[in-house]
Amino acid sequence: MLEPGAAAPQFALPDQSGTEVRLRDFLGKRVVVYFYPKDNTPGCSRQACAFAAAYDAYSALGVPVIGISKDSTASHARFAEKYNLPFILLSDPELEAIQAYDVWQEKKLYGKPSMGVVRTTYLVSKDGTIEQVWPKAKPDTNAEEILQYLRDTQD
């Protein structure tokens, strides 16, 4: 995991409509970057819906939300449409950002080890450093937990 104070690794990845999104475009704003394993799975859907439900509050604070997984842009488009997700979903099939943010790790499913994305959320500060990290984020509480942190630390 990256630690608070570390430089946030830069990325340029396509969103659900195929438009390239670069982290550096958000310099001067705090931005939530959350990594999740897979579109349309129960935990990932609950987490995305929680961010969607809190989206107006994030917008009011001027904090963009970006979700990243290794799913395709087409998968992201279907996921966003199915759940009416108003935020950016980025496709990282080559694991560029996923590995740079150290969330591609060994996991165990039914005792069998495999590599995959460990659900993790980063808050990138206005200056492009990691401000806060939520490792092994809980799908149902992560969005609200971050929102509370943002309110408590507002400039």
Protein backbone atom coordinates (compact mmCIF):
# COMPACT_ATOMS: atom_id res chain seq x y z
CA MET A 1 0.00 0.00 0.00
CA LEU A 2 1.08 3.54 -0.64
CA GLU A 3 1.39 5.65 2.48
CA PRO A 4 0.06 9.16 3.15
CA GLY A 5 2.58 11.74 1.96
CA ALA A 6 3.78 9.61 -0.98
CA ALA A 7 3.42 11.01 -4.48
CA ALA A 8 0.26 9.67 -6.10
CA PRO A 9 1.27 7.63 -9.17
CA GLN A 10 0.08 9.30 -12.36
CA PHE A 11 -2.22 7.50 -14.75
CA ALA A 12 -4.00 8.08 -18.05
CA LEU A 13 -6.80 5.56 -18.58
CA PRO A 14 -10.02 5.42 -20.62
CA ASP A 15 -13.34 6.02 -18.87
CA GLN A 16 -16.63 4.23 -19.52
CA SER A 17 -17.15 6.26 -22.72
CA GLY A 18 -13.58 5.73 -23.96
CA THR A 19 -12.35 9.23 -23.08
CA GLU A 20 -8.85 9.36 -21.58
CA VAL A 21 -8.76 10.63 -18.00
CA ARG A 22 -5.47 11.68 -16.40
CA LEU A 23 -4.90 12.11 -12.69
CA ARG A 24 -2.90 15.30 -13.35
CA ASP A 25 -6.08 16.91 -14.72
CA PHE A 26 -7.35 17.02 -11.12
CA LEU A 27 -4.35 18.84 -9.64
CA GLY A 28 -5.63 21.55 -7.29
CA LYS A 29 -8.55 19.35 -6.14
CA ARG A 30 -8.79 16.53 -3.68
CA VAL A 31 -9.90 13.39 -5.54
CA VAL A 32 -11.14 9.99 -4.37
CA VAL A 33 -9.56 7.12 -6.31
CA TYR A 34 -11.03 3.78 -5.39
CA PHE A 35 -9.91 0.40 -6.71
CA TYR A 36 -12.37 -2.47 -6.85
CA PRO A 37 -12.19 -6.07 -8.13
CA LYS A 38 -14.98 -6.41 -10.73
CA ASP A 39 -18.05 -4.76 -12.21
CA ASN A 40 -21.45 -6.25 -11.37
CA THR A 41 -20.32 -8.34 -8.42
CA PRO A 42 -22.25 -7.98 -5.15
CA GLY A 43 -19.65 -6.09 -3.08
CA CYS A 44 -18.50 -3.90 -5.96
CA SER A 45 -22.07 -3.02 -6.88
CA ARG A 46 -22.89 -2.07 -3.28
CA GLN A 47 -19.76 0.09 -3.05
CA ALA A 48 -20.50 1.83 -6.37
CA CYS A 49 -24.10 2.46 -5.35
CA ALA A 50 -22.94 3.92 -2.02
CA PHE A 51 -20.66 6.35 -3.87
CA ALA A 52 -23.54 7.18 -6.24
CA ALA A 53 -25.87 7.86 -3.30
CA ALA A 54 -23.27 10.20 -1.77
CA TYR A 55 -22.29 11.78 -5.10
CA ASP A 56 -24.12 15.09 -4.52
CA ALA A 57 -22.32 15.51 -1.19
CA TYR A 58 -18.95 14.80 -2.84
CA SER A 59 -19.78 17.28 -5.61
CA ALA A 60 -20.76 19.93 -3.06
CA LEU A 61 -17.31 19.54 -1.52
CA GLY A 62 -15.69 19.73 -4.98
CA VAL A 63 -14.24 16.23 -4.71
CA PRO A 64 -14.40 14.03 -7.82
CA VAL A 65 -14.80 10.26 -7.43
CA ILE A 66 -12.95 7.83 -9.71
CA GLY A 67 -13.42 4.06 -9.63
CA ILE A 68 -10.78 1.84 -11.25
CA SER A 69 -10.87 -1.86 -12.10
CA LYS A 70 -9.40 -4.06 -14.80
CA ASP A 71 -12.79 -4.39 -16.54
CA SER A 72 -13.20 -3.10 -20.10
CA THR A 73 -14.70 0.27 -20.99
CA ALA A 74 -17.76 -1.60 -22.38
CA SER A 75 -18.21 -3.42 -19.07
CA HIS A 76 -17.90 -0.10 -17.23
CA ALA A 77 -20.49 1.49 -19.52
CA ARG A 78 -22.98 -1.31 -18.78
CA PHE A 79 -22.19 -1.14 -15.04
CA ALA A 80 -22.65 2.65 -14.95
CA GLU A 81 -25.92 2.44 -16.88
CA LYS A 82 -27.33 -0.44 -14.81
CA TYR A 83 -26.74 1.37 -11.51
CA ASN A 84 -27.00 4.97 -12.77
CA LEU A 85 -23.44 5.75 -11.61
CA PRO A 86 -22.67 9.47 -12.01
CA PHE A 87 -18.92 9.28 -11.46
CA ILE A 88 -15.90 8.25 -13.54
CA LEU A 89 -15.03 4.58 -14.00
CA LEU A 90 -11.61 3.88 -15.49
CA SER A 91 -10.55 0.74 -17.31
CA ASP A 92 -7.10 -0.64 -16.42
CA PRO A 93 -6.81 -4.04 -18.15
CA GLU A 94 -3.00 -3.78 -18.28
CA LEU A 95 -2.93 -3.17 -14.49
CA GLU A 96 -0.87 0.01 -14.85
CA ALA A 97 -2.55 2.06 -12.12
CA ILE A 98 -3.63 -1.05 -10.19
CA GLN A 99 0.00 -2.12 -9.76
CA ALA A 100 1.33 1.43 -9.30
CA TYR A 101 -1.08 1.87 -6.36
CA ASP A 102 -0.04 -1.54 -4.99
CA VAL A 103 -3.54 -3.03 -4.92
CA TRP A 104 -2.77 -6.10 -7.11
CA GLN A 105 -2.07 -8.68 -4.43
CA GLU A 106 -2.46 -12.31 -3.56
CA LYS A 107 -5.92 -13.12 -2.24
CA LYS A 108 -7.45 -16.37 -1.05
CA LEU A 109 -10.82 -17.61 -2.17
CA TYR A 110 -11.96 -20.79 -0.45
CA GLY A 111 -8.35 -21.32 0.62
CA LYS A 112 -7.02 -21.12 -2.94
CA PRO A 113 -4.51 -18.31 -3.57
CA SER A 114 -4.91 -16.11 -6.63
CA MET A 115 -3.92 -12.60 -7.67
CA GLY A 116 -6.52 -9.86 -7.71
CA VAL A 117 -7.45 -6.31 -6.78
CA VAL A 118 -7.68 -5.68 -3.05
CA ARG A 119 -10.50 -3.18 -2.52
CA THR A 120 -8.67 0.01 -1.52
CA THR A 121 -9.52 3.70 -1.57
CA TYR A 122 -7.05 6.56 -1.77
CA LEU A 123 -7.69 10.25 -1.23
CA VAL A 124 -5.29 12.24 -3.39
CA SER A 125 -4.60 15.73 -2.04
CA LYS A 126 -4.69 18.97 -4.00
CA ASP A 127 -0.91 18.81 -4.46
CA GLY A 128 -0.96 15.28 -5.93
CA THR A 129 0.20 13.35 -2.88
CA ILE A 130 -1.62 10.58 -1.06
CA GLU A 131 -3.57 12.24 1.74
CA GLN A 132 -5.29 9.20 3.21
CA VAL A 133 -5.67 5.46 2.54
CA TRP A 134 -8.52 3.09 3.32
CA PRO A 135 -7.08 -0.41 2.82
CA LYS A 136 -9.43 -3.40 2.55
CA ALA A 137 -12.33 -0.94 2.26
CA LYS A 138 -15.78 -2.16 3.27
CA PRO A 139 -18.24 -1.82 0.34
CA ASP A 140 -21.17 -0.67 2.48
CA THR A 141 -19.40 1.97 4.61
CA ASN A 142 -16.44 3.21 2.55
CA ALA A 143 -18.20 6.08 0.74
CA GLU A 144 -19.70 7.50 3.95
CA GLU A 145 -16.45 7.02 5.89
CA ILE A 146 -14.52 9.06 3.32
CA LEU A 147 -17.24 11.71 3.15
CA GLN A 148 -17.03 12.13 6.93
CA TYR A 149 -13.24 12.43 6.71
CA LEU A 150 -13.59 15.09 3.97
CA ARG A 151 -16.05 17.09 6.07
CA ASP A 152 -13.80 16.86 9.13
CA THR A 153 -10.71 18.03 7.21
CA GLN A 154 -12.26 20.64 4.92
CA ASP A 155 -10.07 23.70 4.33
